[in-house]
């Protein structure tokens, strides 16, 4: 066995031993980590339960929902496209203009409240203001 092969073998052994030592230290320090109390877990659950309600939430209920447009009045266009079945979008801006090419093909929720479905094939435009 030449000196080059021997040095590579020693280097490989040192690398494996180093990884074993590093893994062992990580395992031992994980045992010393204190567990969270049940009160802290409940507080975390309450904090995640107070997730903000979107100003508008749109779900496509048909195979294809033609042209759904959502924009900030006098500002950016957030969505201007067709949607497919099951696709969902949510927006949290304080005020939004919504235009639905076929109001019966989507389910709209305004500030957490379901909006009445529109007439099949009819265009519908409305403004939603956040709470």
Protein backbone atom coordinates (compact mmCIF):
# COMPACT_ATOMS: atom_id res chain seq x y z
CA UNK A 1 0.00 0.00 0.00
CA UNK A 2 1.45 3.33 -1.04
CA UNK A 3 1.74 6.43 1.11
CA UNK A 4 -1.09 8.19 -0.82
CA UNK A 5 -3.55 5.35 -0.21
CA UNK A 6 -2.57 5.13 3.43
CA UNK A 7 -3.08 8.86 3.96
CA UNK A 8 -6.51 8.69 2.28
CA UNK A 9 -7.53 5.76 4.50
CA UNK A 10 -6.40 7.62 7.64
CA UNK A 11 -8.23 10.75 6.50
CA UNK A 12 -11.44 8.75 5.93
CA UNK A 13 -11.22 7.14 9.39
CA UNK A 14 -10.62 10.54 11.02
CA UNK A 15 -13.64 11.95 9.17
CA UNK A 16 -15.93 9.10 10.28
CA UNK A 17 -14.75 9.38 13.89
CA UNK A 18 -15.28 13.15 13.78
CA UNK A 19 -18.85 12.71 12.53
CA UNK A 20 -19.55 10.13 15.25
CA UNK A 21 -18.26 12.49 17.95
CA UNK A 22 -20.28 15.39 16.57
CA UNK A 23 -23.46 13.28 16.38
CA UNK A 24 -22.94 11.96 19.91
CA UNK A 25 -22.55 15.48 21.32
CA UNK A 26 -25.72 16.61 19.56
CA UNK A 27 -27.62 13.62 20.94
CA UNK A 28 -26.41 14.21 24.49
CA UNK A 29 -27.24 17.93 24.42
CA UNK A 30 -30.73 17.16 23.12
CA UNK A 31 -31.41 15.19 26.31
CA UNK A 32 -30.59 18.28 28.38
CA UNK A 33 -33.15 20.48 26.58
CA UNK A 34 -36.11 21.24 28.92
CA UNK A 35 -39.58 20.31 27.69
CA UNK A 36 -42.18 23.07 27.20
CA UNK A 37 -44.84 23.21 29.86
CA UNK A 38 -48.47 22.52 28.89
CA UNK A 39 -49.33 26.18 29.61
CA UNK A 40 -46.76 27.34 27.05
CA UNK A 41 -48.17 24.93 24.47
CA UNK A 42 -51.71 26.22 25.08
CA UNK A 43 -50.51 29.83 24.72
CA UNK A 44 -48.89 28.93 21.40
CA UNK A 45 -52.11 27.30 20.22
CA UNK A 46 -54.11 30.40 21.19
CA UNK A 47 -51.68 32.65 19.34
CA UNK A 48 -52.02 30.62 16.14
CA UNK A 49 -55.80 30.48 16.52
CA UNK A 50 -55.98 34.27 16.20
CA UNK A 51 -54.92 34.19 12.54
CA UNK A 52 -56.20 37.25 10.65
CA UNK A 53 -59.27 36.72 8.48
CA UNK A 54 -58.70 37.57 4.81
CA UNK A 55 -60.57 40.53 3.34
CA UNK A 56 -61.62 38.26 0.47
CA UNK A 57 -61.18 34.52 -0.06
CA UNK A 58 -62.14 32.99 -3.42
CA UNK A 59 -62.46 29.27 -4.18
CA UNK A 60 -63.10 27.93 -7.68
CA UNK A 61 -66.02 25.48 -7.57
CA UNK A 62 -66.28 24.70 -11.32
CA UNK A 63 -63.84 22.88 -13.59
CA UNK A 64 -62.74 26.26 -14.92
CA UNK A 65 -63.68 29.61 -13.41
CA UNK A 66 -63.40 32.25 -16.13
CA UNK A 67 -61.55 35.49 -15.47
CA UNK A 68 -61.38 36.35 -11.79
CA UNK A 69 -60.02 39.85 -11.22
CA UNK A 70 -58.93 41.23 -7.84
CA UNK A 71 -57.30 44.64 -7.50
CA UNK A 72 -56.61 47.37 -5.00
CA UNK A 73 -58.78 50.38 -5.93
CA UNK A 74 -56.63 52.82 -7.87
CA UNK A 75 -53.62 50.54 -7.46
CA UNK A 76 -52.16 47.13 -8.18
CA UNK A 77 -53.94 44.30 -9.98
CA UNK A 78 -53.48 41.29 -7.70
CA UNK A 79 -55.16 38.71 -9.93
CA UNK A 80 -56.37 38.76 -13.53
CA UNK A 81 -56.74 35.17 -14.73
CA UNK A 82 -58.86 32.04 -14.96
CA UNK A 83 -58.87 29.61 -12.04
CA UNK A 84 -59.19 25.81 -11.93
CA UNK A 85 -61.31 23.58 -9.68
CA UNK A 86 -60.23 23.70 -6.03
CA UNK A 87 -57.83 26.62 -6.51
CA UNK A 88 -58.03 29.14 -3.68
CA UNK A 89 -56.78 32.70 -3.26
CA UNK A 90 -56.86 35.00 -0.22
CA UNK A 91 -56.08 38.70 0.03
CA UNK A 92 -55.67 40.80 3.18
CA UNK A 93 -55.62 44.37 1.80
CA UNK A 94 -57.95 46.91 3.50
CA UNK A 95 -60.07 47.43 0.36
CA UNK A 96 -60.40 45.34 -2.81
CA UNK A 97 -62.35 45.50 -6.07
CA UNK A 98 -63.45 42.06 -7.29
CA UNK A 99 -64.83 41.22 -10.74
CA UNK A 100 -66.13 37.72 -11.51
CA UNK A 101 -66.85 36.83 -15.15
CA UNK A 102 -69.13 33.96 -14.01
CA UNK A 103 -70.32 34.64 -10.46
CA UNK A 104 -71.79 31.15 -9.99
CA UNK A 105 -68.48 29.35 -10.62
CA UNK A 106 -66.71 30.59 -7.46
CA UNK A 107 -67.39 30.66 -3.72
CA UNK A 108 -66.50 34.03 -2.18
CA UNK A 109 -65.96 34.79 1.50
CA UNK A 110 -65.84 38.45 2.58
CA UNK A 111 -64.20 39.07 5.97
CA UNK A 112 -65.04 35.50 7.01
CA UNK A 113 -68.69 35.76 5.90
CA UNK A 114 -69.83 33.71 2.86
CA UNK A 115 -71.19 35.79 -0.02
CA UNK A 116 -74.36 34.64 -1.78
CA UNK A 117 -73.55 32.85 -5.05
CA UNK A 118 -74.26 34.78 -8.24
CA UNK A 119 -76.41 33.91 -11.25
CA UNK A 120 -74.96 31.31 -13.66
CA UNK A 121 -73.08 32.99 -16.51
CA UNK A 122 -73.58 36.50 -15.10
CA UNK A 123 -70.76 38.97 -14.48
CA UNK A 124 -70.54 40.42 -10.99
CA UNK A 125 -68.43 43.30 -9.67
CA UNK A 126 -68.21 44.45 -6.06
CA UNK A 127 -65.92 46.13 -3.52
CA UNK A 128 -64.89 44.53 -0.22
CA UNK A 129 -63.63 46.56 2.73
CA UNK A 130 -61.65 44.84 5.48
CA UNK A 131 -62.56 45.05 9.11
